[in-house]
Amino acid sequence: MIVYIAYPTSLNLQSANALQTFTTLRELRARRPDTLALIPRWGNEP
């Protein structure tokens, strides 16, 4: 199992950092479907 801890600057995929987080997680899950993502929520993010 891979545990991926991400700290994107925004969770709405409108920042380059969030897009990279999404892409990285998608690729990890393609290789290891049991990948667990931990992404903390910030303030009023969804």
N, C-alpha and C. Protein backbone atom coordinates (compact mmCIF):
# COMPACT_ATOMS: atom_id res chain seq x y z
N MET A 1 0.84 -1.18 0.00
CA MET A 1 0.00 0.00 0.00
C MET A 1 0.89 1.24 0.00
N ILE A 2 0.48 2.22 -0.78
CA ILE A 2 1.14 3.53 -0.80
C ILE A 2 0.21 4.52 -0.11
N VAL A 3 0.76 5.33 0.77
CA VAL A 3 0.00 6.42 1.38
C VAL A 3 0.57 7.72 0.83
N TYR A 4 -0.26 8.46 0.14
CA TYR A 4 0.15 9.71 -0.49
C TYR A 4 -0.44 10.87 0.30
N ILE A 5 0.42 11.69 0.88
CA ILE A 5 -0.02 12.85 1.65
C ILE A 5 0.20 14.09 0.80
N ALA A 6 -0.88 14.79 0.50
CA ALA A 6 -0.80 15.95 -0.39
C ALA A 6 -1.27 17.20 0.33
N TYR A 7 -0.66 18.31 -0.03
CA TYR A 7 -1.05 19.61 0.51
C TYR A 7 -1.28 20.58 -0.64
N PRO A 8 -2.34 20.37 -1.44
CA PRO A 8 -2.60 21.31 -2.53
C PRO A 8 -3.01 22.67 -1.98
N THR A 9 -2.71 23.70 -2.73
CA THR A 9 -3.06 25.05 -2.29
C THR A 9 -4.55 25.33 -2.47
N SER A 10 -5.20 24.54 -3.30
CA SER A 10 -6.64 24.68 -3.54
C SER A 10 -7.17 23.31 -3.91
N LEU A 11 -8.39 23.00 -3.52
CA LEU A 11 -8.97 21.70 -3.83
C LEU A 11 -9.92 21.74 -5.01
N ASN A 12 -10.06 22.88 -5.67
CA ASN A 12 -11.03 22.98 -6.76
C ASN A 12 -10.40 22.85 -8.15
N LEU A 13 -9.17 22.36 -8.22
CA LEU A 13 -8.46 22.09 -9.47
C LEU A 13 -8.28 23.32 -10.34
N GLN A 14 -8.20 24.50 -9.73
CA GLN A 14 -7.95 25.71 -10.49
C GLN A 14 -6.53 26.22 -10.31
N SER A 15 -5.71 25.49 -9.58
CA SER A 15 -4.31 25.88 -9.42
C SER A 15 -3.43 24.78 -9.99
N ALA A 16 -2.23 25.15 -10.40
CA ALA A 16 -1.29 24.17 -10.96
C ALA A 16 -0.96 23.10 -9.92
N ASN A 17 -0.84 23.50 -8.66
CA ASN A 17 -0.52 22.56 -7.60
C ASN A 17 -1.61 21.52 -7.44
N ALA A 18 -2.86 21.92 -7.49
CA ALA A 18 -3.98 20.99 -7.36
C ALA A 18 -4.04 20.04 -8.56
N LEU A 19 -3.78 20.55 -9.74
CA LEU A 19 -3.77 19.69 -10.93
C LEU A 19 -2.66 18.66 -10.85
N GLN A 20 -1.50 19.06 -10.36
CA GLN A 20 -0.39 18.12 -10.21
C GLN A 20 -0.72 17.06 -9.17
N THR A 21 -1.37 17.46 -8.08
CA THR A 21 -1.78 16.50 -7.05
C THR A 21 -2.75 15.48 -7.64
N PHE A 22 -3.74 15.95 -8.39
CA PHE A 22 -4.71 15.06 -9.02
C PHE A 22 -4.03 14.09 -9.99
N THR A 23 -3.13 14.61 -10.82
CA THR A 23 -2.44 13.78 -11.80
C THR A 23 -1.56 12.74 -11.13
N THR A 24 -0.83 13.15 -10.11
CA THR A 24 0.04 12.22 -9.38
C THR A 24 -0.78 11.11 -8.75
N LEU A 25 -1.87 11.47 -8.10
CA LEU A 25 -2.71 10.47 -7.46
C LEU A 25 -3.33 9.52 -8.49
N ARG A 26 -3.76 10.03 -9.61
CA ARG A 26 -4.32 9.19 -10.67
C ARG A 26 -3.29 8.17 -11.15
N GLU A 27 -2.04 8.61 -11.34
CA GLU A 27 -0.99 7.70 -11.80
C GLU A 27 -0.62 6.67 -10.74
N LEU A 28 -0.57 7.10 -9.48
CA LEU A 28 -0.28 6.14 -8.41
C LEU A 28 -1.37 5.07 -8.32
N ARG A 29 -2.62 5.49 -8.44
CA ARG A 29 -3.72 4.53 -8.36
C ARG A 29 -3.76 3.60 -9.56
N ALA A 30 -3.28 4.05 -10.71
CA ALA A 30 -3.21 3.19 -11.89
C ALA A 30 -2.22 2.05 -11.65
N ARG A 31 -1.16 2.35 -10.90
CA ARG A 31 -0.13 1.35 -10.62
C ARG A 31 -0.42 0.54 -9.36
N ARG A 32 -1.00 1.21 -8.37
CA ARG A 32 -1.32 0.57 -7.09
C ARG A 32 -2.73 0.99 -6.68
N PRO A 33 -3.75 0.21 -7.06
CA PRO A 33 -5.13 0.58 -6.76
C PRO A 33 -5.42 0.74 -5.26
N ASP A 34 -4.58 0.18 -4.41
CA ASP A 34 -4.81 0.29 -2.97
C ASP A 34 -4.19 1.55 -2.37
N THR A 35 -3.77 2.49 -3.23
CA THR A 35 -3.18 3.75 -2.76
C THR A 35 -4.20 4.53 -1.92
N LEU A 36 -3.72 5.03 -0.79
CA LEU A 36 -4.55 5.84 0.10
C LEU A 36 -4.07 7.28 0.01
N ALA A 37 -4.99 8.19 -0.24
CA ALA A 37 -4.65 9.61 -0.32
C ALA A 37 -5.13 10.32 0.93
N LEU A 38 -4.24 11.09 1.53
CA LEU A 38 -4.59 11.93 2.68
C LEU A 38 -4.41 13.37 2.25
N ILE A 39 -5.53 14.09 2.16
CA ILE A 39 -5.50 15.48 1.71
C ILE A 39 -6.26 16.31 2.74
N PRO A 40 -5.54 17.09 3.55
CA PRO A 40 -6.22 17.88 4.58
C PRO A 40 -7.08 18.98 3.96
N ARG A 41 -8.15 19.32 4.64
CA ARG A 41 -9.02 20.41 4.19
C ARG A 41 -8.56 21.70 4.83
N TRP A 42 -8.64 22.78 4.09
CA TRP A 42 -8.23 24.09 4.57
C TRP A 42 -9.43 25.01 4.70
N GLY A 43 -9.62 25.56 5.86
CA GLY A 43 -10.65 26.58 6.07
C GLY A 43 -12.00 26.24 5.49
N ASN A 44 -12.40 26.96 4.45
CA ASN A 44 -13.74 26.78 3.87
C ASN A 44 -13.71 26.00 2.57
N GLU A 45 -12.69 25.21 2.34
CA GLU A 45 -12.63 24.37 1.13
C GLU A 45 -13.69 23.27 1.23
N PRO A 46 -14.16 22.76 0.08
CA PRO A 46 -15.18 21.69 0.09
C PRO A 46 -14.64 20.39 0.64
